[in-house]
Amino acid sequence: MKHIVLLISVFLLTACAGTVPVQRNFPEVPIELMSACPSLKTVEGTDKLSKVIDVVTDNYALYHECRTKVDVWIDWYKTQKQIFDEVK
């Protein structure tokens, strides 16, 4: 009889513990993805085409680096959001 009362008590306590609401929080954003893209360089007044080409090349590199960072951010966000929404 003692075992039955103990078993029923344990069952009731565990059943109540399973109904405690859990607060869900969306994941934090990685610090690397929160930094802003650098400003593009400008060409100072010059008559040398090589200086202009150097600045344009640097700006293309900055753009592609920033674009890659944004693409990674979008992919990370979509993946995390999908995981977050599936777990309910």
PDB file of N, CA and C in Angstrom:
ATOM      1  N   MET A   1       0.828  -1.196   0.000  1.00  0.00           N
ATOM      2  CA  MET A   1       0.000   0.000   0.000  1.00  0.00           C
ATOM      3  C   MET A   1       0.872   1.260   0.000  1.00  0.00           C
ATOM      4  N   LYS A   2       1.973   1.204   0.789  1.00  0.00           N
ATOM      5  CA  LYS A   2       2.876   2.360   0.836  1.00  0.00           C
ATOM      6  C   LYS A   2       3.491   2.615  -0.530  1.00  0.00           C
ATOM      7  N   HIS A   3       3.799   1.544  -1.242  1.00  0.00           N
ATOM      8  CA  HIS A   3       4.410   1.690  -2.561  1.00  0.00           C
ATOM      9  C   HIS A   3       3.439   2.315  -3.554  1.00  0.00           C
ATOM     10  N   ILE A   4       2.195   1.964  -3.459  1.00  0.00           N
ATOM     11  CA  ILE A   4       1.182   2.521  -4.365  1.00  0.00           C
ATOM     12  C   ILE A   4       1.005   4.009  -4.104  1.00  0.00           C
ATOM     13  N   VAL A   5       0.950   4.416  -2.849  1.00  0.00           N
ATOM     14  CA  VAL A   5       0.804   5.836  -2.501  1.00  0.00           C
ATOM     15  C   VAL A   5       2.047   6.601  -2.962  1.00  0.00           C
ATOM     16  N   LEU A   6       3.209   6.033  -2.759  1.00  0.00           N
ATOM     17  CA  LEU A   6       4.450   6.666  -3.201  1.00  0.00           C
ATOM     18  C   LEU A   6       4.482   6.784  -4.721  1.00  0.00           C
ATOM     19  N   LEU A   7       4.098   5.748  -5.410  1.00  0.00           N
ATOM     20  CA  LEU A   7       4.078   5.754  -6.870  1.00  0.00           C
ATOM     21  C   LEU A   7       3.095   6.799  -7.398  1.00  0.00           C
ATOM     22  N   ILE A   8       1.929   6.887  -6.813  1.00  0.00           N
ATOM     23  CA  ILE A   8       0.927   7.875  -7.226  1.00  0.00           C
ATOM     24  C   ILE A   8       1.430   9.287  -6.937  1.00  0.00           C
ATOM     25  N   SER A   9       2.078   9.492  -5.819  1.00  0.00           N
ATOM     26  CA  SER A   9       2.621  10.811  -5.466  1.00  0.00           C
ATOM     27  C   SER A   9       3.692  11.241  -6.465  1.00  0.00           C
ATOM     28  N   VAL A  10       4.583  10.331  -6.789  1.00  0.00           N
ATOM     29  CA  VAL A  10       5.638  10.636  -7.762  1.00  0.00           C
ATOM     30  C   VAL A  10       5.022  10.940  -9.128  1.00  0.00           C
ATOM     31  N   PHE A  11       4.056  10.169  -9.530  1.00  0.00           N
ATOM     32  CA  PHE A  11       3.393  10.387 -10.813  1.00  0.00           C
ATOM     33  C   PHE A  11       2.736  11.760 -10.863  1.00  0.00           C
ATOM     34  N   LEU A  12       2.027  12.128  -9.815  1.00  0.00           N
ATOM     35  CA  LEU A  12       1.352  13.428  -9.781  1.00  0.00           C
ATOM     36  C   LEU A  12       2.353  14.583  -9.777  1.00  0.00           C
ATOM     37  N   LEU A  13       3.442  14.434  -9.060  1.00  0.00           N
ATOM     38  CA  LEU A  13       4.445  15.496  -9.021  1.00  0.00           C
ATOM     39  C   LEU A  13       5.134  15.669 -10.376  1.00  0.00           C
ATOM     40  N   THR A  14       5.423  14.589 -11.031  1.00  0.00           N
ATOM     41  CA  THR A  14       6.067  14.701 -12.341  1.00  0.00           C
ATOM     42  C   THR A  14       5.099  15.208 -13.394  1.00  0.00           C
ATOM     43  N   ALA A  15       3.844  14.885 -13.277  1.00  0.00           N
ATOM     44  CA  ALA A  15       2.852  15.377 -14.234  1.00  0.00           C
ATOM     45  C   ALA A  15       2.699  16.881 -14.094  1.00  0.00           C
ATOM     46  N   CYS A  16       2.742  17.394 -12.880  1.00  0.00           N
ATOM     47  CA  CYS A  16       2.629  18.835 -12.661  1.00  0.00           C
ATOM     48  C   CYS A  16       3.878  19.555 -13.134  1.00  0.00           C
ATOM     49  N   ALA A  17       5.035  18.938 -12.974  1.00  0.00           N
ATOM     50  CA  ALA A  17       6.287  19.577 -13.379  1.00  0.00           C
ATOM     51  C   ALA A  17       6.368  19.729 -14.891  1.00  0.00           C
ATOM     52  N   GLY A  18       5.711  18.880 -15.635  1.00  0.00           N
ATOM     53  CA  GLY A  18       5.772  18.943 -17.087  1.00  0.00           C
ATOM     54  C   GLY A  18       4.950  20.064 -17.682  1.00  0.00           C
ATOM     55  N   THR A  19       4.093  20.703 -16.908  1.00  0.00           N
ATOM     56  CA  THR A  19       3.239  21.747 -17.447  1.00  0.00           C
ATOM     57  C   THR A  19       3.769  23.145 -17.166  1.00  0.00           C
ATOM     58  N   VAL A  20       4.979  23.253 -16.647  1.00  0.00           N
ATOM     59  CA  VAL A  20       5.559  24.567 -16.361  1.00  0.00           C
ATOM     60  C   VAL A  20       5.918  25.222 -17.687  1.00  0.00           C
ATOM     61  N   PRO A  21       5.430  26.438 -17.936  1.00  0.00           N
ATOM     62  CA  PRO A  21       5.752  27.093 -19.203  1.00  0.00           C
ATOM     63  C   PRO A  21       7.228  27.492 -19.251  1.00  0.00           C
ATOM     64  N   VAL A  22       7.818  27.317 -20.416  1.00  0.00           N
ATOM     65  CA  VAL A  22       9.214  27.670 -20.629  1.00  0.00           C
ATOM     66  C   VAL A  22       9.251  28.858 -21.562  1.00  0.00           C
ATOM     67  N   GLN A  23       9.987  29.886 -21.138  1.00  0.00           N
ATOM     68  CA  GLN A  23      10.093  31.076 -21.987  1.00  0.00           C
ATOM     69  C   GLN A  23      11.148  30.821 -23.058  1.00  0.00           C
ATOM     70  N   ARG A  24      10.766  31.025 -24.306  1.00  0.00           N
ATOM     71  CA  ARG A  24      11.677  30.834 -25.422  1.00  0.00           C
ATOM     72  C   ARG A  24      12.213  32.182 -25.875  1.00  0.00           C
ATOM     73  N   ASN A  25      13.505  32.243 -26.125  1.00  0.00           N
ATOM     74  CA  ASN A  25      14.125  33.459 -26.630  1.00  0.00           C
ATOM     75  C   ASN A  25      14.808  33.154 -27.948  1.00  0.00           C
ATOM     76  N   PHE A  26      14.644  34.069 -28.900  1.00  0.00           N
ATOM     77  CA  PHE A  26      15.311  33.905 -30.182  1.00  0.00           C
ATOM     78  C   PHE A  26      16.812  34.105 -29.979  1.00  0.00           C
ATOM     79  N   PRO A  27      17.656  33.360 -30.690  1.00  0.00           N
ATOM     80  CA  PRO A  27      19.104  33.435 -30.485  1.00  0.00           C
ATOM     81  C   PRO A  27      19.666  34.835 -30.725  1.00  0.00           C
ATOM     82  N   GLU A  28      20.758  35.117 -30.028  1.00  0.00           N
ATOM     83  CA  GLU A  28      21.443  36.393 -30.200  1.00  0.00           C
ATOM     84  C   GLU A  28      22.197  36.415 -31.529  1.00  0.00           C
ATOM     85  N   VAL A  29      22.418  37.602 -32.029  1.00  0.00           N
ATOM     86  CA  VAL A  29      23.129  37.794 -33.289  1.00  0.00           C
ATOM     87  C   VAL A  29      24.632  37.732 -33.022  1.00  0.00           C
ATOM     88  N   PRO A  30      25.394  37.008 -33.846  1.00  0.00           N
ATOM     89  CA  PRO A  30      26.842  37.007 -33.668  1.00  0.00           C
ATOM     90  C   PRO A  30      27.428  38.406 -33.833  1.00  0.00           C
ATOM     91  N   ILE A  31      28.400  38.738 -33.019  1.00  0.00           N
ATOM     92  CA  ILE A  31      29.020  40.067 -33.037  1.00  0.00           C
ATOM     93  C   ILE A  31      29.603  40.396 -34.410  1.00  0.00           C
ATOM     94  N   GLU A  32      30.177  39.401 -35.084  1.00  0.00           N
ATOM     95  CA  GLU A  32      30.793  39.630 -36.389  1.00  0.00           C
ATOM     96  C   GLU A  32      29.792  40.176 -37.405  1.00  0.00           C
ATOM     97  N   LEU A  33      28.532  39.805 -37.243  1.00  0.00           N
ATOM     98  CA  LEU A  33      27.522  40.231 -38.205  1.00  0.00           C
ATOM     99  C   LEU A  33      26.852  41.537 -37.822  1.00  0.00           C
ATOM    100  N   MET A  34      27.189  42.087 -36.673  1.00  0.00           N
ATOM    101  CA  MET A  34      26.584  43.348 -36.239  1.00  0.00           C
ATOM    102  C   MET A  34      27.412  44.566 -36.635  1.00  0.00           C
ATOM    103  N   SER A  35      28.638  44.366 -37.088  1.00  0.00           N
ATOM    104  CA  SER A  35      29.461  45.510 -37.467  1.00  0.00           C
ATOM    105  C   SER A  35      29.036  46.019 -38.842  1.00  0.00           C
ATOM    106  N   ALA A  36      29.096  47.318 -39.001  1.00  0.00           N
ATOM    107  CA  ALA A  36      28.683  47.939 -40.257  1.00  0.00           C
ATOM    108  C   ALA A  36      29.759  47.751 -41.321  1.00  0.00           C
ATOM    109  N   CYS A  37      29.334  47.794 -42.561  1.00  0.00           N
ATOM    110  CA  CYS A  37      30.290  47.711 -43.660  1.00  0.00           C
ATOM    111  C   CYS A  37      31.124  48.987 -43.700  1.00  0.00           C
ATOM    112  N   PRO A  38      32.390  48.877 -44.084  1.00  0.00           N
ATOM    113  CA  PRO A  38      33.228  50.083 -44.139  1.00  0.00           C
ATOM    114  C   PRO A  38      32.785  51.002 -45.269  1.00  0.00           C
ATOM    115  N   SER A  39      33.093  52.267 -45.111  1.00  0.00           N
ATOM    116  CA  SER A  39      32.780  53.240 -46.161  1.00  0.00           C
ATOM    117  C   SER A  39      33.686  53.014 -47.358  1.00  0.00           C
ATOM    118  N   LEU A  40      33.158  53.292 -48.534  1.00  0.00           N
ATOM    119  CA  LEU A  40      33.959  53.151 -49.734  1.00  0.00           C
ATOM    120  C   LEU A  40      34.961  54.298 -49.826  1.00  0.00           C
ATOM    121  N   LYS A  41      36.069  54.039 -50.475  1.00  0.00           N
ATOM    122  CA  LYS A  41      37.121  55.044 -50.625  1.00  0.00           C
ATOM    123  C   LYS A  41      36.747  56.015 -51.740  1.00  0.00           C
ATOM    124  N   THR A  42      37.284  57.204 -51.667  1.00  0.00           N
ATOM    125  CA  THR A  42      37.054  58.195 -52.712  1.00  0.00           C
ATOM    126  C   THR A  42      38.375  58.502 -53.404  1.00  0.00           C
ATOM    127  N   VAL A  43      38.276  58.961 -54.623  1.00  0.00           N
ATOM    128  CA  VAL A  43      39.460  59.318 -55.389  1.00  0.00           C
ATOM    129  C   VAL A  43      39.738  60.793 -55.162  1.00  0.00           C
ATOM    130  N   GLU A  44      40.936  61.076 -54.657  1.00  0.00           N
ATOM    131  CA  GLU A  44      41.347  62.473 -54.516  1.00  0.00           C
ATOM    132  C   GLU A  44      41.660  63.017 -55.913  1.00  0.00           C
ATOM    133  N   GLY A  45      41.580  64.310 -56.042  1.00  0.00           N
ATOM    134  CA  GLY A  45      41.843  64.915 -57.353  1.00  0.00           C
ATOM    135  C   GLY A  45      43.198  64.501 -57.891  1.00  0.00           C
ATOM    136  N   THR A  46      43.206  63.773 -58.978  1.00  0.00           N
ATOM    137  CA  THR A  46      44.449  63.300 -59.575  1.00  0.00           C
ATOM    138  C   THR A  46      44.284  63.163 -61.080  1.00  0.00           C
ATOM    139  N   ASP A  47      45.392  63.188 -61.758  1.00  0.00           N
ATOM    140  CA  ASP A  47      45.349  63.011 -63.206  1.00  0.00           C
ATOM    141  C   ASP A  47      45.915  61.650 -63.610  1.00  0.00           C
ATOM    142  N   LYS A  48      46.148  60.781 -62.615  1.00  0.00           N
ATOM    143  CA  LYS A  48      46.696  59.456 -62.896  1.00  0.00           C
ATOM    144  C   LYS A  48      45.581  58.411 -62.873  1.00  0.00           C
ATOM    145  N   LEU A  49      45.456  57.723 -63.969  1.00  0.00           N
ATOM    146  CA  LEU A  49      44.441  56.695 -64.085  1.00  0.00           C
ATOM    147  C   LEU A  49      44.754  55.515 -63.165  1.00  0.00           C
ATOM    148  N   SER A  50      46.023  55.270 -62.882  1.00  0.00           N
ATOM    149  CA  SER A  50      46.401  54.147 -62.029  1.00  0.00           C
ATOM    150  C   SER A  50      45.873  54.336 -60.605  1.00  0.00           C
ATOM    151  N   LYS A  51      45.849  55.573 -60.120  1.00  0.00           N
ATOM    152  CA  LYS A  51      45.299  55.844 -58.785  1.00  0.00           C
ATOM    153  C   LYS A  51      43.782  55.587 -58.771  1.00  0.00           C
ATOM    154  N   VAL A  52      43.106  55.992 -59.816  1.00  0.00           N
ATOM    155  CA  VAL A  52      41.663  55.777 -59.928  1.00  0.00           C
ATOM    156  C   VAL A  52      41.376  54.273 -59.965  1.00  0.00           C
ATOM    157  N   ILE A  53      42.136  53.531 -60.734  1.00  0.00           N
ATOM    158  CA  ILE A  53      41.928  52.081 -60.833  1.00  0.00           C
ATOM    159  C   ILE A  53      42.188  51.408 -59.489  1.00  0.00           C
ATOM    160  N   ASP A  54      43.205  51.861 -58.754  1.00  0.00           N
ATOM    161  CA  ASP A  54      43.486  51.292 -57.426  1.00  0.00           C
ATOM    162  C   ASP A  54      42.306  51.493 -56.480  1.00  0.00           C
ATOM    163  N   VAL A  55      41.733  52.699 -56.470  1.00  0.00           N
ATOM    164  CA  VAL A  55      40.601  52.985 -55.585  1.00  0.00           C
ATOM    165  C   VAL A  55      39.378  52.181 -56.006  1.00  0.00           C
ATOM    166  N   VAL A  56      39.123  52.084 -57.291  1.00  0.00           N
ATOM    167  CA  VAL A  56      37.978  51.309 -57.784  1.00  0.00           C
ATOM    168  C   VAL A  56      38.143  49.840 -57.413  1.00  0.00           C
ATOM    169  N   THR A  57      39.348  49.307 -57.572  1.00  0.00           N
ATOM    170  CA  THR A  57      39.610  47.908 -57.220  1.00  0.00           C
ATOM    171  C   THR A  57      39.392  47.677 -55.723  1.00  0.00           C
ATOM    172  N   ASP A  58      39.894  48.591 -54.903  1.00  0.00           N
ATOM    173  CA  ASP A  58      39.687  48.471 -53.452  1.00  0.00           C
ATOM    174  C   ASP A  58      38.209  48.533 -53.101  1.00  0.00           C
ATOM    175  N   ASN A  59      37.457  49.406 -53.762  1.00  0.00           N
ATOM    176  CA  ASN A  59      36.023  49.512 -53.490  1.00  0.00           C
ATOM    177  C   ASN A  59      35.274  48.239 -53.895  1.00  0.00           C
ATOM    178  N   TYR A  60      35.665  47.646 -55.011  1.00  0.00           N
ATOM    179  CA  TYR A  60      35.046  46.371 -55.405  1.00  0.00           C
ATOM    180  C   TYR A  60      35.326  45.291 -54.370  1.00  0.00           C
ATOM    181  N   ALA A  61      36.545  45.255 -53.865  1.00  0.00           N
ATOM    182  CA  ALA A  61      36.897  44.260 -52.838  1.00  0.00           C
ATOM    183  C   ALA A  61      36.079  44.500 -51.569  1.00  0.00           C
ATOM    184  N   LEU A  62      35.954  45.760 -51.146  1.00  0.00           N
ATOM    185  CA  LEU A  62      35.149  46.068 -49.959  1.00  0.00           C
ATOM    186  C   LEU A  62      33.690  45.678 -50.163  1.00  0.00           C
ATOM    187  N   TYR A  63      33.167  45.953 -51.351  1.00  0.00           N
ATOM    188  CA  TYR A  63      31.779  45.610 -51.642  1.00  0.00           C
ATOM    189  C   TYR A  63      31.559  44.100 -51.560  1.00  0.00           C
ATOM    190  N   HIS A  64      32.428  43.326 -52.199  1.00  0.00           N
ATOM    191  CA  HIS A  64      32.249  41.872 -52.208  1.00  0.00           C
ATOM    192  C   HIS A  64      32.424  41.278 -50.813  1.00  0.00           C
ATOM    193  N   GLU A  65      33.328  41.838 -50.024  1.00  0.00           N
ATOM    194  CA  GLU A  65      33.497  41.376 -48.647  1.00  0.00           C
ATOM    195  C   GLU A  65      32.242  41.655 -47.826  1.00  0.00           C
ATOM    196  N   CYS A  66      31.694  42.852 -47.990  1.00  0.00           N
ATOM    197  CA  CYS A  66      30.472  43.213 -47.263  1.00  0.00           C
ATOM    198  C   CYS A  66      29.293  42.383 -47.751  1.00  0.00           C
ATOM    199  N   ARG A  67      29.213  42.147 -49.046  1.00  0.00           N
ATOM    200  CA  ARG A  67      28.125  41.342 -49.598  1.00  0.00           C
ATOM    201  C   ARG A  67      28.165  39.924 -49.035  1.00  0.00           C
ATOM    202  N   THR A  68      29.366  39.361 -48.922  1.00  0.00           N
ATOM    203  CA  THR A  68      29.514  38.021 -48.368  1.00  0.00           C
ATOM    204  C   THR A  68      29.040  38.002 -46.918  1.00  0.00           C
ATOM    205  N   LYS A  69      29.389  39.035 -46.166  1.00  0.00           N
ATOM    206  CA  LYS A  69      28.976  39.106 -44.765  1.00  0.00           C
ATOM    207  C   LYS A  69      27.453  39.188 -44.652  1.00  0.00           C
ATOM    208  N   VAL A  70      26.836  39.966 -45.506  1.00  0.00           N
ATOM    209  CA  VAL A  70      25.379  40.102 -45.474  1.00  0.00           C
ATOM    210  C   VAL A  70      24.711  38.788 -45.899  1.00  0.00           C
ATOM    211  N   ASP A  71      25.261  38.127 -46.911  1.00  0.00           N
ATOM    212  CA  ASP A  71      24.702  36.842 -47.347  1.00  0.00           C
ATOM    213  C   ASP A  71      24.781  35.803 -46.228  1.00  0.00           C
ATOM    214  N   VAL A  72      25.908  35.776 -45.511  1.00  0.00           N
ATOM    215  CA  VAL A  72      26.051  34.854 -44.383  1.00  0.00           C
ATOM    216  C   VAL A  72      25.043  35.199 -43.296  1.00  0.00           C
ATOM    217  N   TRP A  73      24.855  36.483 -43.040  1.00  0.00           N
ATOM    218  CA  TRP A  73      23.894  36.927 -42.031  1.00  0.00           C
ATOM    219  C   TRP A  73      22.479  36.466 -42.397  1.00  0.00           C
ATOM    220  N   ILE A  74      22.095  36.646 -43.644  1.00  0.00           N
ATOM    221  CA  ILE A  74      20.755  36.241 -44.084  1.00  0.00           C
ATOM    222  C   ILE A  74      20.584  34.734 -43.947  1.00  0.00           C
ATOM    223  N   ASP A  75      21.588  33.970 -44.353  1.00  0.00           N
ATOM    224  CA  ASP A  75      21.526  32.515 -44.238  1.00  0.00           C
ATOM    225  C   ASP A  75      21.427  32.094 -42.776  1.00  0.00           C
ATOM    226  N   TRP A  76      22.241  32.693 -41.914  1.00  0.00           N
ATOM    227  CA  TRP A  76      22.208  32.370 -40.479  1.00  0.00           C
ATOM    228  C   TRP A  76      20.826  32.685 -39.902  1.00  0.00           C
ATOM    229  N   TYR A  77      20.302  33.851 -40.227  1.00  0.00           N
ATOM    230  CA  TYR A  77      19.013  34.271 -39.681  1.00  0.00           C
ATOM    231  C   TYR A  77      17.900  33.321 -40.115  1.00  0.00           C
ATOM    232  N   LYS A  78      17.852  32.980 -41.397  1.00  0.00           N
ATOM    233  CA  LYS A  78      16.804  32.086 -41.894  1.00  0.00           C
ATOM    234  C   LYS A  78      16.891  30.716 -41.226  1.00  0.00           C
ATOM    235  N   THR A  79      18.114  30.204 -41.077  1.00  0.00           N
ATOM    236  CA  THR A  79      18.291  28.897 -40.447  1.00  0.00           C
ATOM    237  C   THR A  79      17.845  28.931 -38.996  1.00  0.00           C
ATOM    238  N   GLN A  80      18.290  29.944 -38.254  1.00  0.00           N
ATOM    239  CA  GLN A  80      17.929  30.040 -36.840  1.00  0.00           C
ATOM    240  C   GLN A  80      16.428  30.257 -36.659  1.00  0.00           C
ATOM    241  N   LYS A  81      15.835  31.051 -37.516  1.00  0.00           N
ATOM    242  CA  LYS A  81      14.395  31.306 -37.437  1.00  0.00           C
ATOM    243  C   LYS A  81      13.612  30.029 -37.723  1.00  0.00           C
ATOM    244  N   GLN A  82      14.053  29.252 -38.708  1.00  0.00           N
ATOM    245  CA  GLN A  82      13.387  28.001 -39.032  1.00  0.00           C
ATOM    246  C   GLN A  82      13.481  27.025 -37.859  1.00  0.00           C
ATOM    247  N   ILE A  83      14.643  26.902 -37.269  1.00  0.00           N
ATOM    248  CA  ILE A  83      14.827  26.022 -36.110  1.00  0.00           C
ATOM    249  C   ILE A  83      13.947  26.499 -34.953  1.00  0.00           C
ATOM    250  N   PHE A  84      13.938  27.796 -34.712  1.00  0.00           N
ATOM    251  CA  PHE A  84      13.158  28.375 -33.622  1.00  0.00           C
ATOM    252  C   PHE A  84      11.667  28.098 -33.815  1.00  0.00           C
ATOM    253  N   ASP A  85      11.177  28.267 -35.044  1.00  0.00           N
ATOM    254  CA  ASP A  85       9.754  28.069 -35.321  1.00  0.00           C
ATOM    255  C   ASP A  85       9.345  26.593 -35.274  1.00  0.00           C
ATOM    256  N   GLU A  86      10.261  25.687 -35.614  1.00  0.00           N
ATOM    257  CA  GLU A  86       9.927  24.265 -35.604  1.00  0.00           C
ATOM    258  C   GLU A  86       9.819  23.700 -34.198  1.00  0.00           C
ATOM    259  N   VAL A  87      10.518  24.293 -33.244  1.00  0.00           N
ATOM    260  CA  VAL A  87      10.518  23.783 -31.884  1.00  0.00           C
ATOM    261  C   VAL A  87       9.441  24.527 -31.091  1.00  0.00           C
ATOM    262  N   LYS A  88       8.349  23.838 -30.841  1.00  0.00           N
ATOM    263  CA  LYS A  88       7.264  24.480 -30.079  1.00  0.00           C
ATOM    264  C   LYS A  88       6.771  23.559 -29.024  1.00  0.00           C
TER     265      LYS A  88
END
